[in-house]
Every structure is written in C-alpha cells, then in structure tokens.
Amino acid sequence: MRVYRCFAFVDLSGFTALTDHEGDERAVAVLSQFRAILREVCSRRGVRIDKWLGDGAMLVSVQPMPLLASLLDFELAISRSNLPLRVRCGADDGEVILHEGDDYIGSAVNTAARLCDLAPGGTVLVSQHLAKGRPDWASITSAREQEIKGFEDPIAVAELSLAVLQGSTSACPVCGVPLSLPVADSTEALDDGAVALFCSEGCRETWDRRPRSITEFQGSLRSPLMGA
C-alpha cells in the first residue's frame, strides 16, 4: 500500500566518543534522558516514534507541521538540558510503500536518514519541499543543493531554525519556544491582563490541562530563555 508520510531521523552527535571517554553507565544515563525528552515532545505534538535506533530514533507524521515543530522543539529542549551532546535532525516527505503494516520503503525515508547523517550537531536539515510546511515560528536559515551518497541528483535542502531569537521577552509557556505575536499559533488573556502566546494547539491543550498561576507563567518566560 502506498501512503504519504513525513519522516525524520534524530540522533545524538558525539555519542560514540562520549561512550568511549566516559563509560557505558554515563552513556546509558544520557540516552535515557534523550529518549525521555523526545517522548514528551512527540506526545505533545502528535508525532509517532516509529523505532529507536541506538542513540537515535525514526519519527513519522502524516503532516509536515507537527513533525518540523517537533524537531525544533526537541533540539531546543536538548540545548537547554544538562546533556553534554547536541542532536542532529534530518527530514523529508513523500509517498512510500507501507510494507507488511509496520515498515516504510521509499526515497523519503532514505533522504531523511542521509540528511540526519549530514547535519552538524544542533542542526535541523530538511528537504526544501518539506520546509514549506514549517510553523510560522520557524525560518529557513540557509538553502542549497546537496550531493547525497546513493542519489544520482543533488537534493534541495534547507536548514531550519527559530524565527524569534532565544532570549526574547515572550515564549510558549509549555515548551519554551520563543515567540512574537505575529508568529504565535494562538493567545490567551490572563487574569491580570498579560497575554500568553502558544506555539501550537498541542501546547495550548497541555496548558489548559495543567493550569498555572500568573507567577508561574512569568517564571516560565524568564527561565531558561531569559537566563533567570
């Protein structure tokens, strides 16, 4: 059966060296935290973790925006954590064959995996076609034609980043993605007249299920993005 899907691969850059230098126990602790963060992000944004791949994972989504939002959210969360490593991400979309109900065969899967391999740590590298489905709070940092091993023709790729710089005065109170009013998915007026900006419906639903006081909300804006 042929289906349209969006695919991403993520992994920890430098994991092999960390294991060699700091030992297996330290590597397992880092990997456990990596997986816990990824589970939380994907659960909130409606993206499926298709399989774990040692120090990485394969993600699948039926729509571009949740997948790209998850990658940027995940990279930001890792960069703000106490993990000593950064993540690299690669993604593509297209029609693939769903084989025996639990495996995907097609060029989009291979391209996503190759882009992850090519991405430096802390980078989200995606096909330019998929990049068109990015959320408003994401921007294209660079775009180019990329030669990829195993592919006859170069692939048009784009590097994604946050549209609003970290350290700005506003951020989604759930995930911490820096926002401004024009790029926010939705807003909510608070009791004292302040306005909460949300990056996605998933984050807004999480906020509504776990109400916070205005003091807690202001704290989420200051830390860690504001360095408080």
C-alpha atoms as a PDB file:
ATOM      1  CA  MET A   1       0.000   0.000   0.000  1.00  0.00           C
ATOM      2  CA  ARG A   2       1.355   3.416  -0.981  1.00  0.00           C
ATOM      3  CA  VAL A   3       0.866   6.260   1.508  1.00  0.00           C
ATOM      4  CA  TYR A   4       2.058   9.829   2.066  1.00  0.00           C
ATOM      5  CA  ARG A   5       4.135  10.326   5.197  1.00  0.00           C
ATOM      6  CA  CYS A   6       6.703  12.698   6.692  1.00  0.00           C
ATOM      7  CA  PHE A   7       9.843  11.134   8.144  1.00  0.00           C
ATOM      8  CA  ALA A   8      12.607  12.333  10.416  1.00  0.00           C
ATOM      9  CA  PHE A   9      15.694  10.812  11.939  1.00  0.00           C
ATOM     10  CA  VAL A  10      17.311  12.250  15.049  1.00  0.00           C
ATOM     11  CA  ASP A  11      20.438  11.204  16.885  1.00  0.00           C
ATOM     12  CA  LEU A  12      22.969  12.381  19.423  1.00  0.00           C
ATOM     13  CA  SER A  13      26.050  13.902  17.824  1.00  0.00           C
ATOM     14  CA  GLY A  14      29.213  12.599  19.507  1.00  0.00           C
ATOM     15  CA  PHE A  15      27.580   9.728  21.369  1.00  0.00           C
ATOM     16  CA  THR A  16      30.233   7.182  20.404  1.00  0.00           C
ATOM     17  CA  ALA A  17      33.027   9.432  21.655  1.00  0.00           C
ATOM     18  CA  LEU A  18      31.150  10.100  24.896  1.00  0.00           C
ATOM     19  CA  THR A  19      30.736   6.361  25.482  1.00  0.00           C
ATOM     20  CA  ASP A  20      34.443   5.812  24.882  1.00  0.00           C
ATOM     21  CA  HIS A  21      35.552   8.651  27.174  1.00  0.00           C
ATOM     22  CA  GLU A  22      33.003   8.432  29.996  1.00  0.00           C
ATOM     23  CA  GLY A  23      31.895   4.796  30.003  1.00  0.00           C
ATOM     24  CA  ASP A  24      28.783   2.763  29.400  1.00  0.00           C
ATOM     25  CA  GLU A  25      26.890   3.855  32.529  1.00  0.00           C
ATOM     26  CA  ARG A  26      27.225   7.526  31.639  1.00  0.00           C
ATOM     27  CA  ALA A  27      26.161   6.775  28.058  1.00  0.00           C
ATOM     28  CA  VAL A  28      23.029   4.956  29.260  1.00  0.00           C
ATOM     29  CA  ALA A  29      22.107   7.893  31.517  1.00  0.00           C
ATOM     30  CA  VAL A  30      22.479  10.348  28.626  1.00  0.00           C
ATOM     31  CA  LEU A  31      20.481   8.101  26.302  1.00  0.00           C
ATOM     32  CA  SER A  32      17.667   7.692  28.849  1.00  0.00           C
ATOM     33  CA  GLN A  33      17.297  11.460  29.186  1.00  0.00           C
ATOM     34  CA  PHE A  34      17.441  11.896  25.408  1.00  0.00           C
ATOM     35  CA  ARG A  35      14.596   9.410  24.987  1.00  0.00           C
ATOM     36  CA  ALA A  36      12.502  10.900  27.794  1.00  0.00           C
ATOM     37  CA  ILE A  37      12.678  14.370  26.225  1.00  0.00           C
ATOM     38  CA  LEU A  38      11.824  13.016  22.776  1.00  0.00           C
ATOM     39  CA  ARG A  39       8.831  11.058  24.126  1.00  0.00           C
ATOM     40  CA  GLU A  40       7.427  14.173  25.810  1.00  0.00           C
ATOM     41  CA  VAL A  41       7.849  16.358  22.718  1.00  0.00           C
ATOM     42  CA  CYS A  42       6.379  13.832  20.273  1.00  0.00           C
ATOM     43  CA  SER A  43       3.456  13.014  22.566  1.00  0.00           C
ATOM     44  CA  ARG A  44       2.535  16.681  22.901  1.00  0.00           C
ATOM     45  CA  ARG A  45       2.794  17.360  19.168  1.00  0.00           C
ATOM     46  CA  GLY A  46       1.130  14.181  17.863  1.00  0.00           C
ATOM     47  CA  VAL A  47       4.167  12.651  16.166  1.00  0.00           C
ATOM     48  CA  ARG A  48       4.894   8.917  16.337  1.00  0.00           C
ATOM     49  CA  ILE A  49       8.259   7.500  17.352  1.00  0.00           C
ATOM     50  CA  ASP A  50       8.395   4.680  14.820  1.00  0.00           C
ATOM     51  CA  LYS A  51      11.529   2.991  16.197  1.00  0.00           C
ATOM     52  CA  TRP A  52      14.514   3.556  18.435  1.00  0.00           C
ATOM     53  CA  LEU A  53      17.892   3.298  16.709  1.00  0.00           C
ATOM     54  CA  GLY A  54      20.513   3.081  19.449  1.00  0.00           C
ATOM     55  CA  ASP A  55      21.416   6.724  20.119  1.00  0.00           C
ATOM     56  CA  GLY A  56      18.722   7.917  17.707  1.00  0.00           C
ATOM     57  CA  ALA A  57      15.150   7.451  16.547  1.00  0.00           C
ATOM     58  CA  MET A  58      12.938   7.468  13.478  1.00  0.00           C
ATOM     59  CA  LEU A  59       9.834   9.673  13.622  1.00  0.00           C
ATOM     60  CA  VAL A  60       6.733   9.515  11.412  1.00  0.00           C
ATOM     61  CA  SER A  61       3.920  12.019  10.897  1.00  0.00           C
ATOM     62  CA  VAL A  62       1.026  12.321   8.471  1.00  0.00           C
ATOM     63  CA  GLN A  63       1.502  16.104   8.258  1.00  0.00           C
ATOM     64  CA  PRO A  64       4.618  18.281   7.862  1.00  0.00           C
ATOM     65  CA  MET A  65       3.992  20.920  10.516  1.00  0.00           C
ATOM     66  CA  PRO A  66       3.819  18.685  13.613  1.00  0.00           C
ATOM     67  CA  LEU A  67       6.995  16.890  12.546  1.00  0.00           C
ATOM     68  CA  LEU A  68       9.011  20.055  11.891  1.00  0.00           C
ATOM     69  CA  ALA A  69       7.716  21.652  15.080  1.00  0.00           C
ATOM     70  CA  SER A  70       8.771  18.536  16.997  1.00  0.00           C
ATOM     71  CA  LEU A  71      12.307  18.664  15.605  1.00  0.00           C
ATOM     72  CA  LEU A  72      12.824  22.319  16.509  1.00  0.00           C
ATOM     73  CA  ASP A  73      11.159  21.852  19.902  1.00  0.00           C
ATOM     74  CA  PHE A  74      13.331  18.797  20.585  1.00  0.00           C
ATOM     75  CA  GLU A  75      16.565  20.493  19.543  1.00  0.00           C
ATOM     76  CA  LEU A  76      15.723  23.458  21.769  1.00  0.00           C
ATOM     77  CA  ALA A  77      14.871  21.214  24.721  1.00  0.00           C
ATOM     78  CA  ILE A  78      18.142  19.302  24.356  1.00  0.00           C
ATOM     79  CA  SER A  79      20.153  22.521  24.115  1.00  0.00           C
ATOM     80  CA  ARG A  80      18.538  23.768  27.352  1.00  0.00           C
ATOM     81  CA  SER A  81      19.046  20.482  29.195  1.00  0.00           C
ATOM     82  CA  ASN A  82      22.146  19.352  31.071  1.00  0.00           C
ATOM     83  CA  LEU A  83      23.037  16.844  28.355  1.00  0.00           C
ATOM     84  CA  PRO A  84      26.630  17.237  27.118  1.00  0.00           C
ATOM     85  CA  LEU A  85      25.668  16.495  23.494  1.00  0.00           C
ATOM     86  CA  ARG A  86      23.543  18.161  20.819  1.00  0.00           C
ATOM     87  CA  VAL A  87      21.141  16.451  18.449  1.00  0.00           C
ATOM     88  CA  ARG A  88      21.128  16.446  14.692  1.00  0.00           C
ATOM     89  CA  CYS A  89      17.951  16.023  12.667  1.00  0.00           C
ATOM     90  CA  GLY A  90      17.105  15.183   9.075  1.00  0.00           C
ATOM     91  CA  ALA A  91      13.647  15.034   7.493  1.00  0.00           C
ATOM     92  CA  ASP A  92      11.824  14.533   4.197  1.00  0.00           C
ATOM     93  CA  ASP A  93       8.330  13.663   2.983  1.00  0.00           C
ATOM     94  CA  GLY A  94       6.714  11.831   0.110  1.00  0.00           C
ATOM     95  CA  GLU A  95       4.818   8.760  -0.977  1.00  0.00           C
ATOM     96  CA  VAL A  96       6.250   5.471   0.267  1.00  0.00           C
ATOM     97  CA  ILE A  97       5.201   1.838   0.422  1.00  0.00           C
ATOM     98  CA  LEU A  98       3.835   0.666   3.757  1.00  0.00           C
ATOM     99  CA  HIS A  99       5.308  -2.838   3.884  1.00  0.00           C
ATOM    100  CA  GLU A 100       3.594  -5.521   5.984  1.00  0.00           C
ATOM    101  CA  GLY A 101       1.880  -2.847   8.044  1.00  0.00           C
ATOM    102  CA  ASP A 102       4.890  -1.709  10.063  1.00  0.00           C
ATOM    103  CA  ASP A 103       7.726  -0.682   7.743  1.00  0.00           C
ATOM    104  CA  TYR A 104       8.163   2.120   5.215  1.00  0.00           C
ATOM    105  CA  ILE A 105      10.022   1.706   1.928  1.00  0.00           C
ATOM    106  CA  GLY A 106      10.798   4.709  -0.237  1.00  0.00           C
ATOM    107  CA  SER A 107      13.080   7.565  -1.179  1.00  0.00           C
ATOM    108  CA  ALA A 108      11.733   9.914   1.510  1.00  0.00           C
ATOM    109  CA  VAL A 109      12.889   7.564   4.277  1.00  0.00           C
ATOM    110  CA  ASN A 110      16.363   7.252   2.767  1.00  0.00           C
ATOM    111  CA  THR A 111      16.690  11.001   2.212  1.00  0.00           C
ATOM    112  CA  ALA A 112      15.685  11.808   5.787  1.00  0.00           C
ATOM    113  CA  ALA A 113      18.271   9.353   7.118  1.00  0.00           C
ATOM    114  CA  ARG A 114      21.026  10.773   4.896  1.00  0.00           C
ATOM    115  CA  LEU A 115      20.210  14.354   5.883  1.00  0.00           C
ATOM    116  CA  CYS A 116      20.473  13.404   9.547  1.00  0.00           C
ATOM    117  CA  ASP A 117      23.900  11.917   8.849  1.00  0.00           C
ATOM    118  CA  LEU A 118      24.990  15.138   7.124  1.00  0.00           C
ATOM    119  CA  ALA A 119      23.626  17.564   9.715  1.00  0.00           C
ATOM    120  CA  PRO A 120      26.062  19.004  12.268  1.00  0.00           C
ATOM    121  CA  GLY A 121      25.073  18.789  15.933  1.00  0.00           C
ATOM    122  CA  GLY A 122      22.357  21.279  16.827  1.00  0.00           C
ATOM    123  CA  THR A 123      21.037  21.415  13.241  1.00  0.00           C
ATOM    124  CA  VAL A 124      17.674  20.602  11.648  1.00  0.00           C
ATOM    125  CA  LEU A 125      18.241  19.776   7.957  1.00  0.00           C
ATOM    126  CA  VAL A 126      15.188  19.030   5.792  1.00  0.00           C
ATOM    127  CA  SER A 127      14.185  18.867   2.149  1.00  0.00           C
ATOM    128  CA  GLN A 128      13.088  22.219   0.771  1.00  0.00           C
ATOM    129  CA  HIS A 129       9.757  20.688  -0.206  1.00  0.00           C
ATOM    130  CA  LEU A 130       9.061  19.654   3.375  1.00  0.00           C
ATOM    131  CA  ALA A 131      10.299  23.003   4.714  1.00  0.00           C
ATOM    132  CA  LYS A 132       7.279  24.694   3.138  1.00  0.00           C
ATOM    133  CA  GLY A 133       5.154  23.081   5.862  1.00  0.00           C
ATOM    134  CA  ARG A 134       7.090  24.638   8.754  1.00  0.00           C
ATOM    135  CA  PRO A 135       5.259  26.526  11.524  1.00  0.00           C
ATOM    136  CA  ASP A 136       5.229  30.334  11.416  1.00  0.00           C
ATOM    137  CA  TRP A 137       7.751  30.493  14.266  1.00  0.00           C
ATOM    138  CA  ALA A 138      10.347  28.622  12.203  1.00  0.00           C
ATOM    139  CA  SER A 139      12.503  30.109   9.467  1.00  0.00           C
ATOM    140  CA  ILE A 140      14.865  28.870   6.780  1.00  0.00           C
ATOM    141  CA  THR A 141      18.418  29.765   7.773  1.00  0.00           C
ATOM    142  CA  SER A 142      20.005  28.523   4.568  1.00  0.00           C
ATOM    143  CA  ALA A 143      19.039  26.640   1.409  1.00  0.00           C
ATOM    144  CA  ARG A 144      21.240  24.787  -1.059  1.00  0.00           C
ATOM    145  CA  GLU A 145      21.608  21.862  -3.430  1.00  0.00           C
ATOM    146  CA  GLN A 146      23.203  18.955  -1.566  1.00  0.00           C
ATOM    147  CA  GLU A 147      25.010  15.984  -3.077  1.00  0.00           C
ATOM    148  CA  ILE A 148      23.961  12.873  -1.163  1.00  0.00           C
ATOM    149  CA  LYS A 149      25.649   9.499  -1.413  1.00  0.00           C
ATOM    150  CA  GLY A 150      23.450   6.979  -3.191  1.00  0.00           C
ATOM    151  CA  PHE A 151      21.369   9.623  -5.008  1.00  0.00           C
ATOM    152  CA  GLU A 152      22.024  10.426  -8.654  1.00  0.00           C
ATOM    153  CA  ASP A 153      20.862  14.050  -8.481  1.00  0.00           C
ATOM    154  CA  PRO A 154      21.502  16.705  -5.789  1.00  0.00           C
ATOM    155  CA  ILE A 155      18.742  17.237  -3.222  1.00  0.00           C
ATOM    156  CA  ALA A 156      17.354  20.704  -2.473  1.00  0.00           C
ATOM    157  CA  VAL A 157      17.755  21.057   1.287  1.00  0.00           C
ATOM    158  CA  ALA A 158      17.056  23.754   3.875  1.00  0.00           C
ATOM    159  CA  GLU A 159      18.292  24.341   7.395  1.00  0.00           C
ATOM    160  CA  LEU A 160      15.529  25.331   9.813  1.00  0.00           C
ATOM    161  CA  SER A 161      15.853  27.477  12.911  1.00  0.00           C
ATOM    162  CA  LEU A 162      13.680  29.504  15.261  1.00  0.00           C
ATOM    163  CA  ALA A 163      12.279  32.682  13.706  1.00  0.00           C
ATOM    164  CA  VAL A 164      12.397  34.549  17.028  1.00  0.00           C
ATOM    165  CA  LEU A 165      15.714  34.621  18.864  1.00  0.00           C
ATOM    166  CA  GLN A 166      16.139  32.920  22.211  1.00  0.00           C
ATOM    167  CA  GLY A 167      16.216  35.493  24.972  1.00  0.00           C
ATOM    168  CA  SER A 168      13.181  37.349  23.639  1.00  0.00           C
ATOM    169  CA  THR A 169      10.608  38.515  26.156  1.00  0.00           C
ATOM    170  CA  SER A 170       7.883  36.073  25.076  1.00  0.00           C
ATOM    171  CA  ALA A 171       7.872  32.291  24.811  1.00  0.00           C
ATOM    172  CA  CYS A 172       5.375  29.465  24.731  1.00  0.00           C
ATOM    173  CA  PRO A 173       4.871  28.708  28.443  1.00  0.00           C
ATOM    174  CA  VAL A 174       4.796  24.948  27.811  1.00  0.00           C
ATOM    175  CA  CYS A 175       7.762  24.211  25.527  1.00  0.00           C
ATOM    176  CA  GLY A 176       9.700  27.484  25.766  1.00  0.00           C
ATOM    177  CA  VAL A 177       9.794  28.161  22.009  1.00  0.00           C
ATOM    178  CA  PRO A 178      10.477  31.916  21.672  1.00  0.00           C
ATOM    179  CA  LEU A 179       7.518  33.699  20.077  1.00  0.00           C
ATOM    180  CA  SER A 180       6.255  37.073  18.981  1.00  0.00           C
ATOM    181  CA  LEU A 181       2.585  37.875  18.440  1.00  0.00           C
ATOM    182  CA  PRO A 182       2.706  37.580  14.606  1.00  0.00           C
ATOM    183  CA  VAL A 183       4.079  34.007  14.697  1.00  0.00           C
ATOM    184  CA  ALA A 184       2.087  32.648  17.662  1.00  0.00           C
ATOM    185  CA  ASP A 185      -0.442  29.921  16.883  1.00  0.00           C
ATOM    186  CA  SER A 186      -2.874  31.255  19.495  1.00  0.00           C
ATOM    187  CA  THR A 187      -3.047  33.524  22.513  1.00  0.00           C
ATOM    188  CA  GLU A 188      -4.830  33.573  25.842  1.00  0.00           C
ATOM    189  CA  ALA A 189      -5.559  36.582  28.018  1.00  0.00           C
ATOM    190  CA  LEU A 190      -4.650  36.045  31.660  1.00  0.00           C
ATOM    191  CA  ASP A 191      -6.436  37.456  34.691  1.00  0.00           C
ATOM    192  CA  ASP A 192      -4.070  40.397  35.231  1.00  0.00           C
ATOM    193  CA  GLY A 193      -4.111  41.478  31.577  1.00  0.00           C
ATOM    194  CA  ALA A 194      -0.976  39.631  30.488  1.00  0.00           C
ATOM    195  CA  VAL A 195      -1.170  37.540  27.325  1.00  0.00           C
ATOM    196  CA  ALA A 196       0.178  34.011  26.944  1.00  0.00           C
ATOM    197  CA  LEU A 197       1.457  33.091  23.471  1.00  0.00           C
ATOM    198  CA  PHE A 198       1.288  29.468  22.322  1.00  0.00           C
ATOM    199  CA  CYS A 199       3.254  27.820  19.518  1.00  0.00           C
ATOM    200  CA  SER A 200       0.699  25.079  18.797  1.00  0.00           C
ATOM    201  CA  GLU A 201      -2.675  23.670  19.720  1.00  0.00           C
ATOM    202  CA  GLY A 202      -0.919  20.816  21.491  1.00  0.00           C
ATOM    203  CA  CYS A 203       0.921  23.193  23.808  1.00  0.00           C
ATOM    204  CA  ARG A 204      -2.259  25.164  24.459  1.00  0.00           C
ATOM    205  CA  GLU A 205      -4.123  21.973  25.361  1.00  0.00           C
ATOM    206  CA  THR A 206      -1.293  20.989  27.697  1.00  0.00           C
ATOM    207  CA  TRP A 207      -1.527  24.419  29.338  1.00  0.00           C
ATOM    208  CA  ASP A 208      -5.299  24.096  29.747  1.00  0.00           C
ATOM    209  CA  ARG A 209      -4.975  20.659  31.339  1.00  0.00           C
ATOM    210  CA  ARG A 210      -2.322  21.878  33.770  1.00  0.00           C
ATOM    211  CA  PRO A 211      -3.355  25.409  34.804  1.00  0.00           C
ATOM    212  CA  ARG A 212      -0.664  27.622  36.315  1.00  0.00           C
ATOM    213  CA  SER A 213      -0.693  30.834  38.263  1.00  0.00           C
ATOM    214  CA  ILE A 214       0.455  34.067  36.632  1.00  0.00           C
ATOM    215  CA  THR A 215       3.573  33.957  38.794  1.00  0.00           C
ATOM    216  CA  GLU A 216       4.484  30.540  37.415  1.00  0.00           C
ATOM    217  CA  PHE A 217       3.738  31.769  33.900  1.00  0.00           C
ATOM    218  CA  GLN A 218       6.045  34.762  34.242  1.00  0.00           C
ATOM    219  CA  GLY A 219       8.718  32.459  35.599  1.00  0.00           C
ATOM    220  CA  SER A 220       8.422  30.251  32.527  1.00  0.00           C
ATOM    221  CA  LEU A 221       9.123  33.293  30.344  1.00  0.00           C
ATOM    222  CA  ARG A 222      12.230  34.272  32.326  1.00  0.00           C
ATOM    223  CA  SER A 223      13.757  30.831  32.626  1.00  0.00           C
ATOM    224  CA  PRO A 224      15.617  29.408  30.860  1.00  0.00           C
ATOM    225  CA  LEU A 225      15.213  31.671  27.836  1.00  0.00           C
ATOM    226  CA  MET A 226      15.802  34.827  29.840  1.00  0.00           C
ATOM    227  CA  GLY A 227      18.624  33.295  31.844  1.00  0.00           C
ATOM    228  CA  ALA A 228      16.947  33.817  35.232  1.00  0.00           C
END
